[in-house]
Every structure is written in structure tokens, then in C-alpha cells.
N, C-alpha and C. Protein backbone atom coordinates (compact mmCIF):
# COMPACT_ATOMS: atom_id res chain seq x y z
N MET A 1 18.77 -54.72 -3.03
CA MET A 1 18.24 -53.92 -1.96
C MET A 1 18.92 -52.55 -1.91
N LYS A 2 20.27 -52.56 -2.10
CA LYS A 2 21.01 -51.29 -2.11
C LYS A 2 20.53 -50.40 -3.25
N THR A 3 20.23 -51.00 -4.37
CA THR A 3 19.78 -50.24 -5.54
C THR A 3 18.44 -49.57 -5.26
N ILE A 4 17.55 -50.26 -4.57
CA ILE A 4 16.23 -49.69 -4.24
C ILE A 4 16.39 -48.52 -3.27
N ILE A 5 17.26 -48.65 -2.26
CA ILE A 5 17.48 -47.58 -1.29
C ILE A 5 18.10 -46.37 -1.97
N ILE A 6 19.07 -46.60 -2.84
CA ILE A 6 19.72 -45.49 -3.55
C ILE A 6 18.71 -44.81 -4.48
N ALA A 7 17.88 -45.58 -5.17
CA ALA A 7 16.88 -45.01 -6.07
C ALA A 7 15.86 -44.18 -5.30
N LEU A 8 15.40 -44.70 -4.17
CA LEU A 8 14.44 -43.95 -3.35
C LEU A 8 15.07 -42.69 -2.77
N SER A 9 16.31 -42.77 -2.33
CA SER A 9 17.02 -41.60 -1.79
C SER A 9 17.16 -40.53 -2.86
N THR A 10 17.51 -40.94 -4.06
CA THR A 10 17.66 -39.98 -5.17
C THR A 10 16.32 -39.34 -5.50
N LEU A 11 15.27 -40.13 -5.51
CA LEU A 11 13.93 -39.61 -5.78
C LEU A 11 13.50 -38.58 -4.74
N VAL A 12 13.79 -38.86 -3.48
CA VAL A 12 13.45 -37.94 -2.40
C VAL A 12 14.23 -36.65 -2.53
N LEU A 13 15.52 -36.74 -2.81
CA LEU A 13 16.35 -35.53 -2.95
C LEU A 13 15.92 -34.69 -4.15
N VAL A 14 15.57 -35.34 -5.23
CA VAL A 14 15.13 -34.61 -6.42
C VAL A 14 13.80 -33.90 -6.16
N SER A 15 12.93 -34.49 -5.37
CA SER A 15 11.64 -33.86 -5.10
C SER A 15 11.77 -32.59 -4.26
N PHE A 16 12.87 -32.46 -3.50
CA PHE A 16 13.08 -31.26 -2.68
C PHE A 16 13.87 -30.18 -3.41
N SER A 17 14.44 -30.48 -4.54
CA SER A 17 15.21 -29.47 -5.25
C SER A 17 14.26 -28.48 -5.91
N GLU A 18 14.71 -27.23 -6.02
CA GLU A 18 13.88 -26.18 -6.58
C GLU A 18 14.07 -26.12 -8.09
N GLY A 19 12.99 -25.84 -8.77
CA GLY A 19 13.07 -25.62 -10.20
C GLY A 19 13.58 -24.21 -10.46
N LYS A 20 14.17 -24.02 -11.59
CA LYS A 20 14.70 -22.71 -11.94
C LYS A 20 13.56 -21.82 -12.42
N GLN A 21 13.42 -20.65 -11.79
CA GLN A 21 12.37 -19.72 -12.19
C GLN A 21 13.01 -18.52 -12.86
N THR A 22 12.40 -18.09 -13.95
CA THR A 22 12.91 -16.92 -14.65
C THR A 22 11.88 -15.81 -14.57
N LEU A 23 12.36 -14.59 -14.54
CA LEU A 23 11.49 -13.43 -14.49
C LEU A 23 11.55 -12.75 -15.85
N ASN A 24 10.41 -12.62 -16.45
CA ASN A 24 10.33 -11.97 -17.73
C ASN A 24 10.66 -10.49 -17.55
N THR A 25 11.55 -9.95 -18.34
CA THR A 25 11.98 -8.56 -18.16
C THR A 25 10.87 -7.57 -18.47
N SER A 26 9.83 -8.00 -19.16
CA SER A 26 8.73 -7.08 -19.45
C SER A 26 7.74 -7.00 -18.29
N ASP A 27 7.88 -7.88 -17.29
CA ASP A 27 7.01 -7.82 -16.11
C ASP A 27 7.40 -6.63 -15.26
N LYS A 28 6.40 -5.90 -14.79
CA LYS A 28 6.66 -4.75 -13.93
C LYS A 28 6.29 -5.11 -12.50
N ILE A 29 7.17 -4.80 -11.59
CA ILE A 29 6.93 -5.07 -10.18
C ILE A 29 6.95 -3.75 -9.44
N GLU A 30 5.87 -3.48 -8.71
CA GLU A 30 5.80 -2.26 -7.92
C GLU A 30 6.01 -2.62 -6.46
N VAL A 31 7.05 -2.05 -5.87
CA VAL A 31 7.38 -2.34 -4.48
C VAL A 31 7.17 -1.08 -3.67
N SER A 32 6.44 -1.21 -2.61
CA SER A 32 6.21 -0.09 -1.71
C SER A 32 7.16 -0.21 -0.53
N ILE A 33 8.06 0.76 -0.39
CA ILE A 33 9.06 0.70 0.68
C ILE A 33 8.42 1.02 2.02
N ALA A 34 7.59 2.00 2.06
CA ALA A 34 6.91 2.36 3.31
C ALA A 34 5.45 1.92 3.20
N SER A 35 4.86 1.61 4.31
CA SER A 35 3.49 1.13 4.27
C SER A 35 2.47 2.22 4.55
N SER A 36 2.92 3.44 4.78
CA SER A 36 1.98 4.52 5.04
C SER A 36 2.61 5.87 4.66
N PHE A 37 1.75 6.90 4.67
CA PHE A 37 2.23 8.26 4.50
C PHE A 37 1.43 9.14 5.44
N SER A 38 1.93 10.34 5.69
CA SER A 38 1.24 11.28 6.57
C SER A 38 0.55 12.35 5.75
N LEU A 39 -0.66 12.70 6.17
CA LEU A 39 -1.41 13.79 5.54
C LEU A 39 -1.60 14.88 6.58
N VAL A 40 -1.10 16.08 6.26
CA VAL A 40 -1.16 17.22 7.18
C VAL A 40 -2.24 18.18 6.72
N ASN A 41 -3.09 18.59 7.66
CA ASN A 41 -4.10 19.60 7.36
C ASN A 41 -3.46 20.98 7.53
N ASP A 42 -2.99 21.53 6.42
CA ASP A 42 -2.39 22.86 6.45
C ASP A 42 -3.37 23.94 5.99
N THR A 43 -4.66 23.59 5.96
CA THR A 43 -5.68 24.58 5.62
C THR A 43 -6.03 25.37 6.88
N LYS A 44 -6.91 26.32 6.74
CA LYS A 44 -7.26 27.19 7.86
C LYS A 44 -8.47 26.73 8.64
N GLU A 45 -8.98 25.52 8.32
CA GLU A 45 -10.18 25.05 9.01
C GLU A 45 -10.11 23.56 9.30
N LYS A 46 -10.97 23.12 10.19
CA LYS A 46 -11.08 21.71 10.53
C LYS A 46 -11.75 20.98 9.36
N VAL A 47 -11.24 19.79 9.01
CA VAL A 47 -11.80 19.03 7.90
C VAL A 47 -12.07 17.60 8.34
N SER A 48 -13.00 16.96 7.68
CA SER A 48 -13.28 15.54 7.88
C SER A 48 -13.03 14.82 6.57
N ILE A 49 -12.30 13.70 6.64
CA ILE A 49 -11.98 12.95 5.44
C ILE A 49 -12.23 11.46 5.67
N TYR A 50 -12.38 10.75 4.56
CA TYR A 50 -12.44 9.29 4.57
C TYR A 50 -11.15 8.81 3.94
N THR A 51 -10.37 8.02 4.67
CA THR A 51 -9.03 7.62 4.24
C THR A 51 -8.99 6.35 3.41
N GLY A 52 -10.13 5.75 3.16
CA GLY A 52 -10.16 4.48 2.47
C GLY A 52 -10.37 3.34 3.44
N SER A 53 -10.09 3.60 4.71
CA SER A 53 -10.31 2.57 5.73
C SER A 53 -11.10 3.11 6.92
N GLY A 54 -11.29 4.41 6.98
CA GLY A 54 -12.04 4.98 8.09
C GLY A 54 -12.18 6.49 7.96
N PHE A 55 -12.99 7.05 8.85
CA PHE A 55 -13.24 8.49 8.86
C PHE A 55 -12.32 9.16 9.87
N VAL A 56 -11.78 10.33 9.49
CA VAL A 56 -10.84 11.06 10.34
C VAL A 56 -11.21 12.54 10.31
N SER A 57 -11.20 13.17 11.48
CA SER A 57 -11.34 14.63 11.56
C SER A 57 -9.97 15.21 11.84
N LEU A 58 -9.60 16.20 11.06
CA LEU A 58 -8.29 16.85 11.22
C LEU A 58 -8.47 18.31 11.58
N ASN A 59 -7.99 18.68 12.75
CA ASN A 59 -7.97 20.09 13.13
C ASN A 59 -6.90 20.81 12.32
N LYS A 60 -6.94 22.12 12.33
CA LYS A 60 -5.94 22.93 11.64
C LYS A 60 -4.56 22.56 12.17
N GLY A 61 -3.65 22.16 11.29
CA GLY A 61 -2.28 21.83 11.67
C GLY A 61 -2.06 20.40 12.12
N SER A 62 -3.12 19.60 12.24
CA SER A 62 -2.93 18.21 12.69
C SER A 62 -2.67 17.30 11.50
N LYS A 63 -2.21 16.08 11.78
CA LYS A 63 -1.94 15.14 10.71
C LYS A 63 -2.38 13.74 11.09
N THR A 64 -2.53 12.91 10.07
CA THR A 64 -2.93 11.53 10.26
C THR A 64 -2.07 10.64 9.37
N SER A 65 -1.95 9.40 9.74
CA SER A 65 -1.22 8.42 8.96
C SER A 65 -2.21 7.60 8.15
N ILE A 66 -1.93 7.44 6.86
CA ILE A 66 -2.81 6.71 5.95
C ILE A 66 -2.01 5.58 5.32
N SER A 67 -2.61 4.38 5.29
CA SER A 67 -1.91 3.26 4.67
C SER A 67 -1.73 3.52 3.18
N CYS A 68 -0.63 3.04 2.67
CA CYS A 68 -0.22 3.35 1.30
C CYS A 68 -0.73 2.29 0.34
N ASN A 69 -2.03 2.28 0.11
CA ASN A 69 -2.65 1.35 -0.84
C ASN A 69 -2.86 2.09 -2.15
N SER A 70 -1.95 1.89 -3.10
CA SER A 70 -2.03 2.59 -4.38
C SER A 70 -3.38 2.35 -5.05
N GLY A 71 -3.96 3.42 -5.56
CA GLY A 71 -5.23 3.34 -6.25
C GLY A 71 -6.43 3.64 -5.38
N LYS A 72 -6.29 3.56 -4.07
CA LYS A 72 -7.41 3.89 -3.18
C LYS A 72 -7.65 5.39 -3.21
N GLU A 73 -8.87 5.78 -2.88
CA GLU A 73 -9.24 7.19 -2.90
C GLU A 73 -9.39 7.75 -1.50
N VAL A 74 -8.90 8.96 -1.31
CA VAL A 74 -9.14 9.72 -0.08
C VAL A 74 -10.24 10.71 -0.43
N ARG A 75 -11.30 10.72 0.40
CA ARG A 75 -12.49 11.52 0.08
C ARG A 75 -12.83 12.48 1.22
N TRP A 76 -13.59 13.50 0.90
CA TRP A 76 -14.17 14.36 1.92
C TRP A 76 -15.22 13.55 2.66
N ALA A 77 -15.47 13.88 3.90
CA ALA A 77 -16.51 13.21 4.68
C ALA A 77 -17.42 14.25 5.31
N ASN A 78 -18.70 13.88 5.43
CA ASN A 78 -19.67 14.76 6.04
C ASN A 78 -20.62 13.91 6.88
N LYS A 79 -20.53 14.06 8.19
CA LYS A 79 -21.38 13.34 9.13
C LYS A 79 -21.36 11.82 8.90
N GLY A 80 -20.16 11.29 8.73
CA GLY A 80 -20.00 9.84 8.57
C GLY A 80 -20.33 9.29 7.21
N LYS A 81 -20.48 10.16 6.22
CA LYS A 81 -20.76 9.71 4.85
C LYS A 81 -19.64 10.16 3.93
N LYS A 82 -19.31 9.31 2.96
CA LYS A 82 -18.26 9.63 2.00
C LYS A 82 -18.72 10.73 1.06
N GLY A 83 -17.79 11.64 0.76
CA GLY A 83 -18.09 12.73 -0.16
C GLY A 83 -17.25 12.61 -1.43
N ASN A 84 -16.97 13.74 -2.03
CA ASN A 84 -16.20 13.79 -3.27
C ASN A 84 -14.75 13.36 -3.04
N VAL A 85 -14.14 12.86 -4.10
CA VAL A 85 -12.74 12.42 -4.05
C VAL A 85 -11.82 13.63 -3.94
N ILE A 86 -10.86 13.56 -3.01
CA ILE A 86 -9.83 14.61 -2.89
C ILE A 86 -8.66 14.23 -3.78
N PHE A 87 -8.17 13.00 -3.63
CA PHE A 87 -7.07 12.50 -4.46
C PHE A 87 -7.01 10.99 -4.38
N LYS A 88 -6.29 10.38 -5.33
CA LYS A 88 -6.03 8.94 -5.30
C LYS A 88 -4.61 8.73 -4.79
N ILE A 89 -4.44 7.69 -4.00
CA ILE A 89 -3.13 7.36 -3.43
C ILE A 89 -2.25 6.76 -4.52
N THR A 90 -1.02 7.27 -4.63
CA THR A 90 -0.04 6.73 -5.57
C THR A 90 1.16 6.21 -4.80
N SER A 91 1.92 5.34 -5.42
CA SER A 91 3.06 4.72 -4.74
C SER A 91 4.15 5.74 -4.38
N ASP A 92 4.24 6.85 -5.10
CA ASP A 92 5.28 7.84 -4.78
C ASP A 92 4.95 8.63 -3.52
N MET A 93 3.76 8.49 -2.96
CA MET A 93 3.40 9.15 -1.71
C MET A 93 3.94 8.39 -0.50
N CYS A 94 4.19 7.12 -0.65
CA CYS A 94 4.57 6.24 0.46
C CYS A 94 5.82 6.76 1.19
N GLY A 95 5.71 6.83 2.50
CA GLY A 95 6.83 7.26 3.34
C GLY A 95 7.00 8.77 3.42
N LYS A 96 6.14 9.54 2.79
CA LYS A 96 6.29 10.99 2.76
C LYS A 96 5.20 11.66 3.60
N THR A 97 5.38 12.97 3.80
CA THR A 97 4.36 13.80 4.43
C THR A 97 3.75 14.66 3.33
N ILE A 98 2.44 14.54 3.17
CA ILE A 98 1.72 15.25 2.11
C ILE A 98 0.86 16.33 2.73
N LYS A 99 0.92 17.54 2.16
CA LYS A 99 0.09 18.64 2.64
C LYS A 99 -1.26 18.59 1.93
N LEU A 100 -2.33 18.72 2.69
CA LEU A 100 -3.68 18.65 2.14
C LEU A 100 -3.90 19.72 1.08
N SER A 101 -3.39 20.91 1.29
CA SER A 101 -3.58 22.00 0.33
C SER A 101 -2.96 21.68 -1.03
N LYS A 102 -1.92 20.84 -1.07
CA LYS A 102 -1.25 20.51 -2.32
C LYS A 102 -2.01 19.47 -3.13
N VAL A 103 -2.83 18.63 -2.48
CA VAL A 103 -3.55 17.58 -3.20
C VAL A 103 -5.01 17.96 -3.47
N MET A 104 -5.48 19.08 -2.89
CA MET A 104 -6.84 19.54 -3.16
C MET A 104 -6.88 20.21 -4.52
N ASP A 105 -7.95 19.99 -5.24
CA ASP A 105 -8.10 20.64 -6.56
C ASP A 105 -9.08 21.77 -6.50
């Protein structure tokens, strides 16, 4: 009876132990420290943009916060419709303040 209890206890303890996981050094991990960045309208006119999640109107000198989803596109907007691409969000933008005039082509 003692042998059965010891065997079952050992089995239970072994089932809760973690297996050793290794990380392949060739795997690339991209970590975003901040979850958003600020976009400032430093142009001389009011603009409307699509941020990837919604439409925003920016007066001259105003700014908005945009979630930092790498690869998403920020586009011009006209009357609630998406327009041409202004820029694509990159991970190096996260946590920073970006001027609209610098990302416009």
C-alpha cells in the first residue's frame, strides 16, 4: 500500500514539473515597450487621417495618440473614407512623438 501511495505521489509531482524550453538564437523577438505614439499636426492646415482603428481630425498644432501596431498604415481621410497611405507604423515609433510633416512624402 505504501508503494502505491509513493508511486502515485511521484507521478503527481512529475506531472506538475516544467519541461526545459530552449530558445533558438536565430529566432527574432520584437518587443514593443510602449503601446502607442503621438502624432502632431505641425502643418499649416487642418487634416483628417485614418489611424488604422478610426478617423481623426487634427487642427493645426494638435496631436493624437495612435496604438503602436507595427505594419499598420496611417492614411489620409476624406469625409469618412480612407485615402492614400501617409506612412506605415514601425516599432521604432513606439513611445515617441512624431511630426506629421516628417512622415509625409
